[in-house]
Amino acid sequence: MLSRDEIRALVIVELRAMAARTPGRGRPRREPAGLRRVLDDLKQDGVDLPAMRGQWRVVVIDLPRRRSGPHSMPCVERGNTQLFAASEERARELAGLLNWWEIGEDELHPETA
């Protein structure tokens, strides 16, 4: 079994990839499998991630108008970093995880740190 720090390190790698994505382009957004598993496991263990408070917050971003497709997307943001989520519920869970683990914006952009 992996330790909390090992899981955190693996999830940060997936979060970096999410932070690099541009919303509404290319393939439909997909939550990384490892991140999804961690969120689901913590939820199943009774951890109330949406109740975790901190600097990461949930916002809804308006997308450019198109004929089809979503007109807005939920995301988690802190400073200049935005992580787009499949639903507002998932965005609240993701924000809670980032706040619970106290993940800094600089950890998701190591090349600028």
C-alpha atoms as a PDB file:
ATOM      1  CA  MET A   1       0.000   0.000   0.000  1.00  0.00           C
ATOM      2  CA  LEU A   2       1.253   3.478  -0.857  1.00  0.00           C
ATOM      3  CA  SER A   3       1.707   6.152   1.786  1.00  0.00           C
ATOM      4  CA  ARG A   4      -0.244   9.407   1.740  1.00  0.00           C
ATOM      5  CA  ASP A   5       2.889  11.254   0.510  1.00  0.00           C
ATOM      6  CA  GLU A   6       3.441   8.754  -2.326  1.00  0.00           C
ATOM      7  CA  ILE A   7      -0.195   9.086  -3.420  1.00  0.00           C
ATOM      8  CA  ARG A   8       0.091  12.880  -3.229  1.00  0.00           C
ATOM      9  CA  ALA A   9       3.200  12.827  -5.468  1.00  0.00           C
ATOM     10  CA  LEU A  10       1.464  10.634  -8.070  1.00  0.00           C
ATOM     11  CA  VAL A  11      -1.647  12.811  -8.078  1.00  0.00           C
ATOM     12  CA  ILE A  12       0.458  15.961  -8.553  1.00  0.00           C
ATOM     13  CA  VAL A  13       1.812  14.485 -11.806  1.00  0.00           C
ATOM     14  CA  GLU A  14      -1.770  14.044 -13.067  1.00  0.00           C
ATOM     15  CA  LEU A  15      -2.754  17.519 -11.873  1.00  0.00           C
ATOM     16  CA  ARG A  16       0.156  19.031 -13.819  1.00  0.00           C
ATOM     17  CA  ALA A  17      -1.213  17.469 -16.999  1.00  0.00           C
ATOM     18  CA  MET A  18      -4.683  18.827 -16.191  1.00  0.00           C
ATOM     19  CA  ALA A  19      -3.274  22.320 -15.577  1.00  0.00           C
ATOM     20  CA  ALA A  20      -1.654  22.301 -19.018  1.00  0.00           C
ATOM     21  CA  ARG A  21      -4.918  21.578 -20.883  1.00  0.00           C
ATOM     22  CA  THR A  22      -6.967  24.218 -22.667  1.00  0.00           C
ATOM     23  CA  PRO A  23     -10.729  23.849 -22.142  1.00  0.00           C
ATOM     24  CA  GLY A  24     -13.105  23.112 -24.978  1.00  0.00           C
ATOM     25  CA  ARG A  25     -10.452  22.020 -27.488  1.00  0.00           C
ATOM     26  CA  GLY A  26      -9.762  18.617 -28.928  1.00  0.00           C
ATOM     27  CA  ARG A  27     -10.923  15.533 -27.100  1.00  0.00           C
ATOM     28  CA  PRO A  28     -13.555  15.706 -24.388  1.00  0.00           C
ATOM     29  CA  ARG A  29     -12.121  16.352 -20.965  1.00  0.00           C
ATOM     30  CA  ARG A  30     -11.306  13.306 -18.998  1.00  0.00           C
ATOM     31  CA  GLU A  31     -10.365  13.000 -15.392  1.00  0.00           C
ATOM     32  CA  PRO A  32      -7.116  11.070 -14.900  1.00  0.00           C
ATOM     33  CA  ALA A  33      -7.788   7.559 -13.582  1.00  0.00           C
ATOM     34  CA  GLY A  34      -5.481   7.861 -10.566  1.00  0.00           C
ATOM     35  CA  LEU A  35      -7.068  11.111  -9.461  1.00  0.00           C
ATOM     36  CA  ARG A  36     -10.562   9.684  -9.929  1.00  0.00           C
ATOM     37  CA  ARG A  37      -9.635   6.661  -7.812  1.00  0.00           C
ATOM     38  CA  VAL A  38      -8.208   8.805  -4.995  1.00  0.00           C
ATOM     39  CA  LEU A  39     -11.297  11.052  -4.951  1.00  0.00           C
ATOM     40  CA  ASP A  40     -13.646   8.058  -4.968  1.00  0.00           C
ATOM     41  CA  ASP A  41     -11.697   6.212  -2.255  1.00  0.00           C
ATOM     42  CA  LEU A  42     -11.610   9.238   0.048  1.00  0.00           C
ATOM     43  CA  LYS A  43     -15.328   9.814  -0.494  1.00  0.00           C
ATOM     44  CA  GLN A  44     -16.030   6.149   0.279  1.00  0.00           C
ATOM     45  CA  ASP A  45     -13.902   6.430   3.452  1.00  0.00           C
ATOM     46  CA  GLY A  46     -16.122   9.285   4.630  1.00  0.00           C
ATOM     47  CA  VAL A  47     -13.749  12.192   3.989  1.00  0.00           C
ATOM     48  CA  ASP A  48     -15.887  15.279   3.263  1.00  0.00           C
ATOM     49  CA  LEU A  49     -13.636  16.884   0.654  1.00  0.00           C
ATOM     50  CA  PRO A  50     -16.087  19.668  -0.339  1.00  0.00           C
ATOM     51  CA  ALA A  51     -15.982  20.865   3.289  1.00  0.00           C
ATOM     52  CA  MET A  52     -12.197  21.423   3.161  1.00  0.00           C
ATOM     53  CA  ARG A  53     -11.456  25.136   3.025  1.00  0.00           C
ATOM     54  CA  GLY A  54      -8.381  26.811   1.630  1.00  0.00           C
ATOM     55  CA  GLN A  55      -7.027  28.844  -1.255  1.00  0.00           C
ATOM     56  CA  TRP A  56      -8.366  26.623  -4.051  1.00  0.00           C
ATOM     57  CA  ARG A  57     -11.907  27.570  -5.035  1.00  0.00           C
ATOM     58  CA  VAL A  58     -14.565  26.445  -7.488  1.00  0.00           C
ATOM     59  CA  VAL A  59     -15.651  28.792 -10.271  1.00  0.00           C
ATOM     60  CA  VAL A  60     -17.624  28.403 -13.489  1.00  0.00           C
ATOM     61  CA  ILE A  61     -15.842  29.658 -16.616  1.00  0.00           C
ATOM     62  CA  ASP A  62     -17.871  30.900 -19.583  1.00  0.00           C
ATOM     63  CA  LEU A  63     -16.650  29.418 -22.844  1.00  0.00           C
ATOM     64  CA  PRO A  64     -16.877  31.062 -26.266  1.00  0.00           C
ATOM     65  CA  ARG A  65     -20.345  30.567 -27.723  1.00  0.00           C
ATOM     66  CA  ARG A  66     -20.690  27.695 -30.179  1.00  0.00           C
ATOM     67  CA  ARG A  67     -23.651  25.967 -31.740  1.00  0.00           C
ATOM     68  CA  SER A  68     -23.154  22.825 -29.755  1.00  0.00           C
ATOM     69  CA  GLY A  69     -21.217  21.795 -26.724  1.00  0.00           C
ATOM     70  CA  PRO A  70     -21.060  23.313 -23.278  1.00  0.00           C
ATOM     71  CA  HIS A  71     -21.243  27.068 -22.798  1.00  0.00           C
ATOM     72  CA  SER A  72     -19.517  26.931 -19.424  1.00  0.00           C
ATOM     73  CA  MET A  73     -17.261  24.604 -17.467  1.00  0.00           C
ATOM     74  CA  PRO A  74     -16.659  24.184 -13.749  1.00  0.00           C
ATOM     75  CA  CYS A  75     -13.086  24.545 -12.674  1.00  0.00           C
ATOM     76  CA  VAL A  76     -10.917  24.847  -9.606  1.00  0.00           C
ATOM     77  CA  GLU A  77      -8.632  27.835  -9.510  1.00  0.00           C
ATOM     78  CA  ARG A  78      -5.967  29.475  -7.462  1.00  0.00           C
ATOM     79  CA  GLY A  79      -3.997  32.422  -8.782  1.00  0.00           C
ATOM     80  CA  ASN A  80      -3.328  31.808 -12.471  1.00  0.00           C
ATOM     81  CA  THR A  81      -3.938  28.049 -12.355  1.00  0.00           C
ATOM     82  CA  GLN A  82      -7.222  26.526 -13.513  1.00  0.00           C
ATOM     83  CA  LEU A  83      -8.104  22.829 -13.396  1.00  0.00           C
ATOM     84  CA  PHE A  84     -11.251  21.977 -15.336  1.00  0.00           C
ATOM     85  CA  ALA A  85     -13.610  19.331 -13.982  1.00  0.00           C
ATOM     86  CA  ALA A  86     -16.386  17.212 -15.466  1.00  0.00           C
ATOM     87  CA  SER A  87     -19.010  18.545 -13.034  1.00  0.00           C
ATOM     88  CA  GLU A  88     -19.416  21.108 -10.267  1.00  0.00           C
ATOM     89  CA  GLU A  89     -19.592  18.294  -7.721  1.00  0.00           C
ATOM     90  CA  ARG A  90     -16.270  16.900  -8.943  1.00  0.00           C
ATOM     91  CA  ALA A  91     -14.775  20.413  -8.921  1.00  0.00           C
ATOM     92  CA  ARG A  92     -15.783  20.819  -5.250  1.00  0.00           C
ATOM     93  CA  GLU A  93     -14.172  17.469  -4.419  1.00  0.00           C
ATOM     94  CA  LEU A  94     -11.011  18.394  -6.326  1.00  0.00           C
ATOM     95  CA  ALA A  95     -10.779  21.786  -4.585  1.00  0.00           C
ATOM     96  CA  GLY A  96     -11.199  20.011  -1.254  1.00  0.00           C
ATOM     97  CA  LEU A  97      -8.424  17.554  -2.087  1.00  0.00           C
ATOM     98  CA  LEU A  98      -6.057  20.357  -3.115  1.00  0.00           C
ATOM     99  CA  ASN A  99      -6.860  22.258   0.078  1.00  0.00           C
ATOM    100  CA  TRP A 100      -6.624  19.132   2.266  1.00  0.00           C
ATOM    101  CA  TRP A 101      -3.199  18.278   0.873  1.00  0.00           C
ATOM    102  CA  GLU A 102      -2.229  21.972   0.856  1.00  0.00           C
ATOM    103  CA  ILE A 103      -0.988  21.706  -2.725  1.00  0.00           C
ATOM    104  CA  GLY A 104       0.486  24.998  -3.868  1.00  0.00           C
ATOM    105  CA  GLU A 105       0.099  26.503  -7.286  1.00  0.00           C
ATOM    106  CA  ASP A 106       3.883  26.315  -7.724  1.00  0.00           C
ATOM    107  CA  GLU A 107       3.783  22.517  -7.317  1.00  0.00           C
ATOM    108  CA  LEU A 108       1.679  22.271 -10.484  1.00  0.00           C
ATOM    109  CA  HIS A 109       4.100  24.446 -12.486  1.00  0.00           C
ATOM    110  CA  PRO A 110       7.588  23.236 -11.490  1.00  0.00           C
ATOM    111  CA  GLU A 111       9.249  24.855 -14.522  1.00  0.00           C
ATOM    112  CA  THR A 112       8.315  28.338 -13.252  1.00  0.00           C
ATOM    113  CA  ALA A 113       9.150  27.714  -9.590  1.00  0.00           C
END
